[in-house]
Amino acid sequence: MSASSSKPLSEAEQIVQLEKELAWAKLKIQVLEERLRMQRIQKYGPSSEKLSNEQLELLELEPGVSNVEVQAESQREPLPVPAKRPAPRPRPGRQELPAALPRVERVIA
């Protein structure tokens, strides 16, 4: 409590003092959260990009993410969505011989 604890505080005074301490603690938490948010923005986000607090928190928890990687990812164009399915792959096995190839039939007994 305070340094003048020579006389005991009444219950009402204790409540007022605790409310003041609680208000101060809430303000301190807000200041620290804002500092952390600003550090994350400085570390991960370019000034033109607006990242939400949740996105910044995810980046902070991601192992091995560098500032360069985040900037490169933010500037990358989205991947194109394929309009149709890709052509089926050829099946493994013997390939057909060219038609122009001369053919000789031999019957082996």
PDB file of N, CA and C in Angstrom:
ATOM      1  N   MET A   1       0.834  -1.185   0.000  1.00  0.00           N
ATOM      2  CA  MET A   1       0.000   0.000   0.000  1.00  0.00           C
ATOM      3  C   MET A   1       0.871   1.238   0.000  1.00  0.00           C
ATOM      4  N   SER A   2       0.518   2.275   0.662  1.00  0.00           N
ATOM      5  CA  SER A   2       1.300   3.513   0.637  1.00  0.00           C
ATOM      6  C   SER A   2       2.255   3.565   1.824  1.00  0.00           C
ATOM      7  N   ALA A   3       3.138   4.575   1.794  1.00  0.00           N
ATOM      8  CA  ALA A   3       4.139   4.730   2.855  1.00  0.00           C
ATOM      9  C   ALA A   3       3.503   5.215   4.154  1.00  0.00           C
ATOM     10  N   SER A   4       2.361   5.838   4.081  1.00  0.00           N
ATOM     11  CA  SER A   4       1.708   6.340   5.295  1.00  0.00           C
ATOM     12  C   SER A   4       0.749   5.295   5.836  1.00  0.00           C
ATOM     13  N   SER A   5       1.255   4.101   6.049  1.00  0.00           N
ATOM     14  CA  SER A   5       0.400   3.030   6.549  1.00  0.00           C
ATOM     15  C   SER A   5       0.475   2.945   8.069  1.00  0.00           C
ATOM     16  N   SER A   6       0.810   4.063   8.725  1.00  0.00           N
ATOM     17  CA  SER A   6       0.856   4.080  10.181  1.00  0.00           C
ATOM     18  C   SER A   6      -0.543   3.933  10.767  1.00  0.00           C
ATOM     19  N   LYS A   7      -1.541   4.554  10.131  1.00  0.00           N
ATOM     20  CA  LYS A   7      -2.911   4.348  10.601  1.00  0.00           C
ATOM     21  C   LYS A   7      -3.636   3.490   9.571  1.00  0.00           C
ATOM     22  N   PRO A   8      -4.433   2.573  10.018  1.00  0.00           N
ATOM     23  CA  PRO A   8      -5.131   1.693   9.080  1.00  0.00           C
ATOM     24  C   PRO A   8      -6.158   2.472   8.239  1.00  0.00           C
ATOM     25  N   LEU A   9      -6.245   2.112   6.957  1.00  0.00           N
ATOM     26  CA  LEU A   9      -7.194   2.765   6.063  1.00  0.00           C
ATOM     27  C   LEU A   9      -8.577   2.183   6.266  1.00  0.00           C
ATOM     28  N   SER A  10      -9.555   3.039   6.115  1.00  0.00           N
ATOM     29  CA  SER A  10     -10.930   2.532   6.200  1.00  0.00           C
ATOM     30  C   SER A  10     -11.228   1.727   4.939  1.00  0.00           C
ATOM     31  N   GLU A  11     -12.299   0.990   4.972  1.00  0.00           N
ATOM     32  CA  GLU A  11     -12.673   0.151   3.837  1.00  0.00           C
ATOM     33  C   GLU A  11     -12.929   0.998   2.592  1.00  0.00           C
ATOM     34  N   ALA A  12     -13.569   2.137   2.729  1.00  0.00           N
ATOM     35  CA  ALA A  12     -13.850   3.017   1.600  1.00  0.00           C
ATOM     36  C   ALA A  12     -12.558   3.562   1.001  1.00  0.00           C
ATOM     37  N   GLU A  13     -11.590   3.929   1.873  1.00  0.00           N
ATOM     38  CA  GLU A  13     -10.305   4.428   1.376  1.00  0.00           C
ATOM     39  C   GLU A  13      -9.527   3.338   0.652  1.00  0.00           C
ATOM     40  N   GLN A  14      -9.608   2.113   1.168  1.00  0.00           N
ATOM     41  CA  GLN A  14      -8.946   0.987   0.518  1.00  0.00           C
ATOM     42  C   GLN A  14      -9.533   0.751  -0.874  1.00  0.00           C
ATOM     43  N   ILE A  15     -10.865   0.853  -0.988  1.00  0.00           N
ATOM     44  CA  ILE A  15     -11.532   0.655  -2.268  1.00  0.00           C
ATOM     45  C   ILE A  15     -11.087   1.717  -3.261  1.00  0.00           C
ATOM     46  N   VAL A  16     -11.042   2.967  -2.824  1.00  0.00           N
ATOM     47  CA  VAL A  16     -10.623   4.061  -3.694  1.00  0.00           C
ATOM     48  C   VAL A  16      -9.176   3.848  -4.149  1.00  0.00           C
ATOM     49  N   GLN A  17      -8.314   3.474  -3.211  1.00  0.00           N
ATOM     50  CA  GLN A  17      -6.912   3.257  -3.544  1.00  0.00           C
ATOM     51  C   GLN A  17      -6.771   2.093  -4.531  1.00  0.00           C
ATOM     52  N   LEU A  18      -7.491   1.003  -4.315  1.00  0.00           N
ATOM     53  CA  LEU A  18      -7.420  -0.143  -5.214  1.00  0.00           C
ATOM     54  C   LEU A  18      -7.973   0.193  -6.593  1.00  0.00           C
ATOM     55  N   GLU A  19      -9.009   1.016  -6.646  1.00  0.00           N
ATOM     56  CA  GLU A  19      -9.557   1.437  -7.940  1.00  0.00           C
ATOM     57  C   GLU A  19      -8.535   2.277  -8.706  1.00  0.00           C
ATOM     58  N   LYS A  20      -7.811   3.140  -7.997  1.00  0.00           N
ATOM     59  CA  LYS A  20      -6.766   3.939  -8.641  1.00  0.00           C
ATOM     60  C   LYS A  20      -5.662   3.027  -9.186  1.00  0.00           C
ATOM     61  N   GLU A  21      -5.249   2.064  -8.386  1.00  0.00           N
ATOM     62  CA  GLU A  21      -4.213   1.132  -8.829  1.00  0.00           C
ATOM     63  C   GLU A  21      -4.684   0.324 -10.034  1.00  0.00           C
ATOM     64  N   LEU A  22      -5.942  -0.080 -10.030  1.00  0.00           N
ATOM     65  CA  LEU A  22      -6.492  -0.840 -11.145  1.00  0.00           C
ATOM     66  C   LEU A  22      -6.528   0.006 -12.425  1.00  0.00           C
ATOM     67  N   ALA A  23      -6.952   1.262 -12.289  1.00  0.00           N
ATOM     68  CA  ALA A  23      -6.986   2.156 -13.443  1.00  0.00           C
ATOM     69  C   ALA A  23      -5.574   2.365 -13.993  1.00  0.00           C
ATOM     70  N   TRP A  24      -4.603   2.544 -13.090  1.00  0.00           N
ATOM     71  CA  TRP A  24      -3.209   2.722 -13.528  1.00  0.00           C
ATOM     72  C   TRP A  24      -2.706   1.469 -14.233  1.00  0.00           C
ATOM     73  N   ALA A  25      -3.042   0.287 -13.698  1.00  0.00           N
ATOM     74  CA  ALA A  25      -2.596  -0.973 -14.305  1.00  0.00           C
ATOM     75  C   ALA A  25      -3.203  -1.148 -15.692  1.00  0.00           C
ATOM     76  N   LYS A  26      -4.468  -0.786 -15.862  1.00  0.00           N
ATOM     77  CA  LYS A  26      -5.116  -0.893 -17.174  1.00  0.00           C
ATOM     78  C   LYS A  26      -4.444   0.027 -18.187  1.00  0.00           C
ATOM     79  N   LEU A  27      -4.119   1.247 -17.777  1.00  0.00           N
ATOM     80  CA  LEU A  27      -3.425   2.173 -18.666  1.00  0.00           C
ATOM     81  C   LEU A  27      -2.038   1.645 -19.039  1.00  0.00           C
ATOM     82  N   LYS A  28      -1.344   1.085 -18.072  1.00  0.00           N
ATOM     83  CA  LYS A  28      -0.010   0.531 -18.316  1.00  0.00           C
ATOM     84  C   LYS A  28      -0.088  -0.619 -19.328  1.00  0.00           C
ATOM     85  N   ILE A  29      -1.097  -1.469 -19.193  1.00  0.00           N
ATOM     86  CA  ILE A  29      -1.286  -2.582 -20.128  1.00  0.00           C
ATOM     87  C   ILE A  29      -1.545  -2.049 -21.526  1.00  0.00           C
ATOM     88  N   GLN A  30      -2.389  -1.023 -21.640  1.00  0.00           N
ATOM     89  CA  GLN A  30      -2.672  -0.440 -22.955  1.00  0.00           C
ATOM     90  C   GLN A  30      -1.406   0.119 -23.599  1.00  0.00           C
ATOM     91  N   VAL A  31      -0.603   0.796 -22.818  1.00  0.00           N
ATOM     92  CA  VAL A  31       0.637   1.377 -23.338  1.00  0.00           C
ATOM     93  C   VAL A  31       1.581   0.274 -23.807  1.00  0.00           C
ATOM     94  N   LEU A  32       1.715  -0.774 -23.012  1.00  0.00           N
ATOM     95  CA  LEU A  32       2.611  -1.869 -23.377  1.00  0.00           C
ATOM     96  C   LEU A  32       2.112  -2.618 -24.610  1.00  0.00           C
ATOM     97  N   GLU A  33       0.800  -2.830 -24.711  1.00  0.00           N
ATOM     98  CA  GLU A  33       0.238  -3.495 -25.887  1.00  0.00           C
ATOM     99  C   GLU A  33       0.466  -2.652 -27.141  1.00  0.00           C
ATOM    100  N   GLU A  34       0.325  -1.344 -27.020  1.00  0.00           N
ATOM    101  CA  GLU A  34       0.553  -0.470 -28.169  1.00  0.00           C
ATOM    102  C   GLU A  34       2.031  -0.469 -28.567  1.00  0.00           C
ATOM    103  N   ARG A  35       2.929  -0.487 -27.595  1.00  0.00           N
ATOM    104  CA  ARG A  35       4.355  -0.564 -27.893  1.00  0.00           C
ATOM    105  C   ARG A  35       4.677  -1.856 -28.642  1.00  0.00           C
ATOM    106  N   LEU A  36       4.109  -2.957 -28.163  1.00  0.00           N
ATOM    107  CA  LEU A  36       4.333  -4.245 -28.807  1.00  0.00           C
ATOM    108  C   LEU A  36       3.789  -4.227 -30.231  1.00  0.00           C
ATOM    109  N   ARG A  37       2.622  -3.649 -30.416  1.00  0.00           N
ATOM    110  CA  ARG A  37       2.013  -3.545 -31.741  1.00  0.00           C
ATOM    111  C   ARG A  37       2.900  -2.729 -32.683  1.00  0.00           C
ATOM    112  N   MET A  38       3.424  -1.620 -32.184  1.00  0.00           N
ATOM    113  CA  MET A  38       4.284  -0.770 -33.002  1.00  0.00           C
ATOM    114  C   MET A  38       5.601  -1.494 -33.350  1.00  0.00           C
ATOM    115  N   GLN A  39       6.149  -2.251 -32.406  1.00  0.00           N
ATOM    116  CA  GLN A  39       7.369  -3.006 -32.692  1.00  0.00           C
ATOM    117  C   GLN A  39       7.112  -4.062 -33.756  1.00  0.00           C
ATOM    118  N   ARG A  40       5.960  -4.714 -33.674  1.00  0.00           N
ATOM    119  CA  ARG A  40       5.636  -5.727 -34.680  1.00  0.00           C
ATOM    120  C   ARG A  40       5.448  -5.086 -36.054  1.00  0.00           C
ATOM    121  N   ILE A  41       4.818  -3.931 -36.105  1.00  0.00           N
ATOM    122  CA  ILE A  41       4.641  -3.237 -37.378  1.00  0.00           C
ATOM    123  C   ILE A  41       5.996  -2.839 -37.943  1.00  0.00           C
ATOM    124  N   GLN A  42       6.858  -2.332 -37.082  1.00  0.00           N
ATOM    125  CA  GLN A  42       8.189  -1.922 -37.527  1.00  0.00           C
ATOM    126  C   GLN A  42       8.981  -3.124 -38.024  1.00  0.00           C
ATOM    127  N   LYS A  43       8.831  -4.255 -37.376  1.00  0.00           N
ATOM    128  CA  LYS A  43       9.610  -5.432 -37.737  1.00  0.00           C
ATOM    129  C   LYS A  43       9.054  -6.136 -38.971  1.00  0.00           C
ATOM    130  N   TYR A  44       7.731  -6.266 -39.097  1.00  0.00           N
ATOM    131  CA  TYR A  44       7.149  -7.114 -40.129  1.00  0.00           C
ATOM    132  C   TYR A  44       6.442  -6.380 -41.260  1.00  0.00           C
ATOM    133  N   GLY A  45       5.876  -5.226 -41.000  1.00  0.00           N
ATOM    134  CA  GLY A  45       5.031  -4.637 -42.015  1.00  0.00           C
ATOM    135  C   GLY A  45       5.580  -3.371 -42.613  1.00  0.00           C
ATOM    136  N   PRO A  46       5.562  -3.277 -43.962  1.00  0.00           N
ATOM    137  CA  PRO A  46       5.912  -1.999 -44.577  1.00  0.00           C
ATOM    138  C   PRO A  46       4.867  -0.947 -44.218  1.00  0.00           C
ATOM    139  N   SER A  47       5.252   0.306 -44.309  1.00  0.00           N
ATOM    140  CA  SER A  47       4.350   1.367 -43.852  1.00  0.00           C
ATOM    141  C   SER A  47       3.082   1.452 -44.683  1.00  0.00           C
ATOM    142  N   SER A  48       3.131   1.013 -45.931  1.00  0.00           N
ATOM    143  CA  SER A  48       1.932   1.103 -46.764  1.00  0.00           C
ATOM    144  C   SER A  48       0.953  -0.022 -46.482  1.00  0.00           C
ATOM    145  N   GLU A  49       1.424  -1.085 -45.869  1.00  0.00           N
ATOM    146  CA  GLU A  49       0.560  -2.236 -45.619  1.00  0.00           C
ATOM    147  C   GLU A  49      -0.078  -2.119 -44.243  1.00  0.00           C
ATOM    148  N   LYS A  50      -1.349  -2.434 -44.161  1.00  0.00           N
ATOM    149  CA  LYS A  50      -2.047  -2.367 -42.885  1.00  0.00           C
ATOM    150  C   LYS A  50      -2.362  -3.784 -42.432  1.00  0.00           C
ATOM    151  N   LEU A  51      -1.598  -4.245 -41.457  1.00  0.00           N
ATOM    152  CA  LEU A  51      -1.807  -5.575 -40.910  1.00  0.00           C
ATOM    153  C   LEU A  51      -2.613  -5.464 -39.628  1.00  0.00           C
ATOM    154  N   SER A  52      -3.529  -6.403 -39.437  1.00  0.00           N
ATOM    155  CA  SER A  52      -4.306  -6.398 -38.201  1.00  0.00           C
ATOM    156  C   SER A  52      -3.438  -6.941 -37.068  1.00  0.00           C
ATOM    157  N   ASN A  53      -3.897  -6.727 -35.845  1.00  0.00           N
ATOM    158  CA  ASN A  53      -3.142  -7.215 -34.692  1.00  0.00           C
ATOM    159  C   ASN A  53      -2.990  -8.724 -34.728  1.00  0.00           C
ATOM    160  N   GLU A  54      -4.024  -9.424 -35.190  1.00  0.00           N
ATOM    161  CA  GLU A  54      -3.979 -10.875 -35.256  1.00  0.00           C
ATOM    162  C   GLU A  54      -2.929 -11.334 -36.269  1.00  0.00           C
ATOM    163  N   GLN A  55      -2.860 -10.648 -37.420  1.00  0.00           N
ATOM    164  CA  GLN A  55      -1.862 -11.007 -38.420  1.00  0.00           C
ATOM    165  C   GLN A  55      -0.449 -10.775 -37.880  1.00  0.00           C
ATOM    166  N   LEU A  56      -0.256  -9.651 -37.190  1.00  0.00           N
ATOM    167  CA  LEU A  56       1.053  -9.359 -36.615  1.00  0.00           C
ATOM    168  C   LEU A  56       1.428 -10.400 -35.567  1.00  0.00           C
ATOM    169  N   GLU A  57       0.451 -10.822 -34.781  1.00  0.00           N
ATOM    170  CA  GLU A  57       0.716 -11.818 -33.754  1.00  0.00           C
ATOM    171  C   GLU A  57       1.109 -13.152 -34.392  1.00  0.00           C
ATOM    172  N   LEU A  58       0.437 -13.523 -35.476  1.00  0.00           N
ATOM    173  CA  LEU A  58       0.789 -14.757 -36.175  1.00  0.00           C
ATOM    174  C   LEU A  58       2.206 -14.675 -36.734  1.00  0.00           C
ATOM    175  N   LEU A  59       2.576 -13.522 -37.283  1.00  0.00           N
ATOM    176  CA  LEU A  59       3.926 -13.364 -37.804  1.00  0.00           C
ATOM    177  C   LEU A  59       4.960 -13.459 -36.686  1.00  0.00           C
ATOM    178  N   GLU A  60       4.619 -12.935 -35.528  1.00  0.00           N
ATOM    179  CA  GLU A  60       5.542 -12.971 -34.394  1.00  0.00           C
ATOM    180  C   GLU A  60       5.769 -14.415 -33.948  1.00  0.00           C
ATOM    181  N   LEU A  61       4.726 -15.244 -34.018  1.00  0.00           N
ATOM    182  CA  LEU A  61       4.832 -16.623 -33.557  1.00  0.00           C
ATOM    183  C   LEU A  61       5.459 -17.539 -34.603  1.00  0.00           C
ATOM    184  N   GLU A  62       5.514 -17.127 -35.861  1.00  0.00           N
ATOM    185  CA  GLU A  62       6.040 -17.953 -36.945  1.00  0.00           C
ATOM    186  C   GLU A  62       7.558 -18.045 -36.832  1.00  0.00           C
ATOM    187  N   PRO A  63       8.107 -19.261 -36.724  1.00  0.00           N
ATOM    188  CA  PRO A  63       9.571 -19.374 -36.608  1.00  0.00           C
ATOM    189  C   PRO A  63      10.246 -19.115 -37.948  1.00  0.00           C
ATOM    190  N   GLY A  64      11.308 -18.358 -37.913  1.00  0.00           N
ATOM    191  CA  GLY A  64      12.127 -18.163 -39.100  1.00  0.00           C
ATOM    192  C   GLY A  64      11.570 -17.210 -40.137  1.00  0.00           C
ATOM    193  N   VAL A  65      10.606 -16.361 -39.801  1.00  0.00           N
ATOM    194  CA  VAL A  65      10.074 -15.399 -40.772  1.00  0.00           C
ATOM    195  C   VAL A  65      10.889 -14.121 -40.654  1.00  0.00           C
ATOM    196  N   SER A  66      11.459 -13.690 -41.774  1.00  0.00           N
ATOM    197  CA  SER A  66      12.253 -12.467 -41.751  1.00  0.00           C
ATOM    198  C   SER A  66      11.451 -11.321 -42.355  1.00  0.00           C
ATOM    199  N   ASN A  67      11.905 -10.125 -42.110  1.00  0.00           N
ATOM    200  CA  ASN A  67      11.249  -8.925 -42.635  1.00  0.00           C
ATOM    201  C   ASN A  67      11.251  -8.937 -44.156  1.00  0.00           C
ATOM    202  N   VAL A  68      12.320  -9.432 -44.754  1.00  0.00           N
ATOM    203  CA  VAL A  68      12.430  -9.485 -46.214  1.00  0.00           C
ATOM    204  C   VAL A  68      11.371 -10.424 -46.785  1.00  0.00           C
ATOM    205  N   GLU A  69      11.168 -11.559 -46.134  1.00  0.00           N
ATOM    206  CA  GLU A  69      10.155 -12.517 -46.596  1.00  0.00           C
ATOM    207  C   GLU A  69       8.755 -11.923 -46.533  1.00  0.00           C
ATOM    208  N   VAL A  70       8.465 -11.205 -45.463  1.00  0.00           N
ATOM    209  CA  VAL A  70       7.141 -10.598 -45.321  1.00  0.00           C
ATOM    210  C   VAL A  70       6.925  -9.551 -46.402  1.00  0.00           C
ATOM    211  N   GLN A  71       7.943  -8.723 -46.668  1.00  0.00           N
ATOM    212  CA  GLN A  71       7.801  -7.705 -47.706  1.00  0.00           C
ATOM    213  C   GLN A  71       7.639  -8.338 -49.077  1.00  0.00           C
ATOM    214  N   ALA A  72       8.413  -9.379 -49.363  1.00  0.00           N
ATOM    215  CA  ALA A  72       8.302 -10.056 -50.657  1.00  0.00           C
ATOM    216  C   ALA A  72       6.927 -10.680 -50.825  1.00  0.00           C
ATOM    217  N   GLU A  73       6.401 -11.259 -49.769  1.00  0.00           N
ATOM    218  CA  GLU A  73       5.073 -11.895 -49.834  1.00  0.00           C
ATOM    219  C   GLU A  73       3.982 -10.851 -50.027  1.00  0.00           C
ATOM    220  N   SER A  74       4.133  -9.688 -49.405  1.00  0.00           N
ATOM    221  CA  SER A  74       3.096  -8.656 -49.529  1.00  0.00           C
ATOM    222  C   SER A  74       3.092  -8.029 -50.922  1.00  0.00           C
ATOM    223  N   GLN A  75       4.226  -8.060 -51.626  1.00  0.00           N
ATOM    224  CA  GLN A  75       4.303  -7.462 -52.954  1.00  0.00           C
ATOM    225  C   GLN A  75       4.014  -8.466 -54.063  1.00  0.00           C
ATOM    226  N   ARG A  76       3.974  -9.735 -53.730  1.00  0.00           N
ATOM    227  CA  ARG A  76       3.739 -10.778 -54.729  1.00  0.00           C
ATOM    228  C   ARG A  76       2.285 -10.727 -55.206  1.00  0.00           C
ATOM    229  N   GLU A  77       2.107 -10.939 -56.503  1.00  0.00           N
ATOM    230  CA  GLU A  77       0.760 -10.964 -57.048  1.00  0.00           C
ATOM    231  C   GLU A  77       0.101 -12.287 -56.663  1.00  0.00           C
ATOM    232  N   PRO A  78      -1.227 -12.301 -56.531  1.00  0.00           N
ATOM    233  CA  PRO A  78      -1.889 -13.562 -56.179  1.00  0.00           C
ATOM    234  C   PRO A  78      -1.727 -14.584 -57.297  1.00  0.00           C
ATOM    235  N   LEU A  79      -1.714 -15.829 -56.908  1.00  0.00           N
ATOM    236  CA  LEU A  79      -1.562 -16.899 -57.882  1.00  0.00           C
ATOM    237  C   LEU A  79      -2.783 -16.956 -58.789  1.00  0.00           C
ATOM    238  N   PRO A  80      -2.579 -17.183 -60.099  1.00  0.00           N
ATOM    239  CA  PRO A  80      -3.730 -17.258 -60.997  1.00  0.00           C
ATOM    240  C   PRO A  80      -4.539 -18.531 -60.722  1.00  0.00           C
ATOM    241  N   VAL A  81      -5.824 -18.394 -60.832  1.00  0.00           N
ATOM    242  CA  VAL A  81      -6.708 -19.530 -60.620  1.00  0.00           C
ATOM    243  C   VAL A  81      -6.878 -20.241 -61.960  1.00  0.00           C
ATOM    244  N   PRO A  82      -6.574 -21.527 -62.031  1.00  0.00           N
ATOM    245  CA  PRO A  82      -6.700 -22.218 -63.308  1.00  0.00           C
ATOM    246  C   PRO A  82      -8.164 -22.282 -63.748  1.00  0.00           C
ATOM    247  N   ALA A  83      -8.392 -21.988 -65.045  1.00  0.00           N
ATOM    248  CA  ALA A  83      -9.750 -21.961 -65.570  1.00  0.00           C
ATOM    249  C   ALA A  83     -10.303 -23.370 -65.738  1.00  0.00           C
ATOM    250  N   LYS A  84      -9.449 -24.301 -66.158  1.00  0.00           N
ATOM    251  CA  LYS A  84      -9.916 -25.670 -66.338  1.00  0.00           C
ATOM    252  C   LYS A  84      -8.872 -26.637 -65.821  1.00  0.00           C
ATOM    253  N   ARG A  85      -9.224 -27.872 -65.767  1.00  0.00           N
ATOM    254  CA  ARG A  85      -8.332 -28.895 -65.260  1.00  0.00           C
ATOM    255  C   ARG A  85      -7.181 -29.108 -66.237  1.00  0.00           C
ATOM    256  N   PRO A  86      -6.014 -29.419 -65.729  1.00  0.00           N
ATOM    257  CA  PRO A  86      -4.881 -29.664 -66.624  1.00  0.00           C
ATOM    258  C   PRO A  86      -5.101 -30.950 -67.421  1.00  0.00           C
ATOM    259  N   ALA A  87      -4.407 -31.052 -68.558  1.00  0.00           N
ATOM    260  CA  ALA A  87      -4.529 -32.230 -69.425  1.00  0.00           C
ATOM    261  C   ALA A  87      -4.050 -33.454 -68.660  1.00  0.00           C
ATOM    262  N   PRO A  88      -4.684 -34.598 -68.911  1.00  0.00           N
ATOM    263  CA  PRO A  88      -4.254 -35.811 -68.193  1.00  0.00           C
ATOM    264  C   PRO A  88      -2.842 -36.214 -68.602  1.00  0.00           C
ATOM    265  N   ARG A  89      -2.105 -36.687 -67.661  1.00  0.00           N
ATOM    266  CA  ARG A  89      -0.728 -37.111 -67.908  1.00  0.00           C
ATOM    267  C   ARG A  89      -0.733 -38.435 -68.648  1.00  0.00           C
ATOM    268  N   PRO A  90       0.274 -38.650 -69.506  1.00  0.00           N
ATOM    269  CA  PRO A  90       0.337 -39.938 -70.196  1.00  0.00           C
ATOM    270  C   PRO A  90       0.603 -41.052 -69.199  1.00  0.00           C
ATOM    271  N   ARG A  91      -0.002 -42.176 -69.449  1.00  0.00           N
ATOM    272  CA  ARG A  91       0.170 -43.307 -68.544  1.00  0.00           C
ATOM    273  C   ARG A  91       1.516 -43.976 -68.799  1.00  0.00           C
ATOM    274  N   PRO A  92       2.094 -44.535 -67.776  1.00  0.00           N
ATOM    275  CA  PRO A  92       3.381 -45.191 -67.977  1.00  0.00           C
ATOM    276  C   PRO A  92       3.210 -46.460 -68.817  1.00  0.00           C
ATOM    277  N   GLY A  93       4.248 -46.844 -69.518  1.00  0.00           N
ATOM    278  CA  GLY A  93       4.211 -48.052 -70.335  1.00  0.00           C
ATOM    279  C   GLY A  93       4.913 -47.800 -71.654  1.00  0.00           C
ATOM    280  N   ARG A  94       4.693 -48.703 -72.596  1.00  0.00           N
ATOM    281  CA  ARG A  94       5.334 -48.581 -73.904  1.00  0.00           C
ATOM    282  C   ARG A  94       4.714 -47.457 -74.692  1.00  0.00           C
ATOM    283  N   GLN A  95       5.567 -46.680 -75.329  1.00  0.00           N
ATOM    284  CA  GLN A  95       5.070 -45.631 -76.195  1.00  0.00           C
ATOM    285  C   GLN A  95       4.919 -46.186 -77.607  1.00  0.00           C
ATOM    286  N   GLU A  96       4.007 -45.611 -78.347  1.00  0.00           N
ATOM    287  CA  GLU A  96       3.755 -46.074 -79.711  1.00  0.00           C
ATOM    288  C   GLU A  96       4.921 -45.654 -80.613  1.00  0.00           C
ATOM    289  N   LEU A  97       5.320 -46.561 -81.506  1.00  0.00           N
ATOM    290  CA  LEU A  97       6.411 -46.270 -82.423  1.00  0.00           C
ATOM    291  C   LEU A  97       5.909 -45.367 -83.549  1.00  0.00           C
ATOM    292  N   PRO A  98       6.778 -44.549 -84.139  1.00  0.00           N
ATOM    293  CA  PRO A  98       6.348 -43.674 -85.229  1.00  0.00           C
ATOM    294  C   PRO A  98       5.866 -44.496 -86.436  1.00  0.00           C
ATOM    295  N   ALA A  99       4.891 -43.969 -87.173  1.00  0.00           N
ATOM    296  CA  ALA A  99       4.289 -44.673 -88.308  1.00  0.00           C
ATOM    297  C   ALA A  99       5.267 -44.790 -89.474  1.00  0.00           C
ATOM    298  N   ALA A 100       6.206 -43.888 -89.614  1.00  0.00           N
ATOM    299  CA  ALA A 100       7.137 -43.893 -90.752  1.00  0.00           C
ATOM    300  C   ALA A 100       8.235 -44.937 -90.589  1.00  0.00           C
ATOM    301  N   LEU A 101       8.342 -45.572 -89.481  1.00  0.00           N
ATOM    302  CA  LEU A 101       9.379 -46.545 -89.214  1.00  0.00           C
ATOM    303  C   LEU A 101       9.109 -47.825 -90.023  1.00  0.00           C
ATOM    304  N   PRO A 102      10.127 -48.354 -90.729  1.00  0.00           N
ATOM    305  CA  PRO A 102       9.875 -49.601 -91.479  1.00  0.00           C
ATOM    306  C   PRO A 102       9.643 -50.768 -90.520  1.00  0.00           C
ATOM    307  N   ARG A 103       8.706 -51.633 -90.910  1.00  0.00           N
ATOM    308  CA  ARG A 103       8.344 -52.739 -90.019  1.00  0.00           C
ATOM    309  C   ARG A 103       8.683 -54.064 -90.691  1.00  0.00           C
ATOM    310  N   VAL A 104       9.266 -54.958 -89.937  1.00  0.00           N
ATOM    311  CA  VAL A 104       9.614 -56.298 -90.424  1.00  0.00           C
ATOM    312  C   VAL A 104       9.013 -57.298 -89.456  1.00  0.00           C
ATOM    313  N   GLU A 105       8.185 -58.211 -90.023  1.00  0.00           N
ATOM    314  CA  GLU A 105       7.575 -59.219 -89.146  1.00  0.00           C
ATOM    315  C   GLU A 105       8.372 -60.507 -89.249  1.00  0.00           C
ATOM    316  N   ARG A 106       8.717 -61.073 -88.128  1.00  0.00           N
ATOM    317  CA  ARG A 106       9.427 -62.343 -88.079  1.00  0.00           C
ATOM    318  C   ARG A 106       8.662 -63.267 -87.143  1.00  0.00           C
ATOM    319  N   VAL A 107       8.439 -64.465 -87.583  1.00  0.00           N
ATOM    320  CA  VAL A 107       7.770 -65.454 -86.759  1.00  0.00           C
ATOM    321  C   VAL A 107       8.854 -66.400 -86.234  1.00  0.00           C
ATOM    322  N   ILE A 108       8.947 -66.510 -84.954  1.00  0.00           N
ATOM    323  CA  ILE A 108       9.964 -67.347 -84.316  1.00  0.00           C
ATOM    324  C   ILE A 108       9.245 -68.582 -83.772  1.00  0.00           C
ATOM    325  N   ALA A 109       9.737 -69.738 -84.210  1.00  0.00           N
ATOM    326  CA  ALA A 109       9.087 -70.974 -83.814  1.00  0.00           C
ATOM    327  C   ALA A 109       9.537 -71.413 -82.455  1.00  0.00           C
TER     328      ALA A 109
END
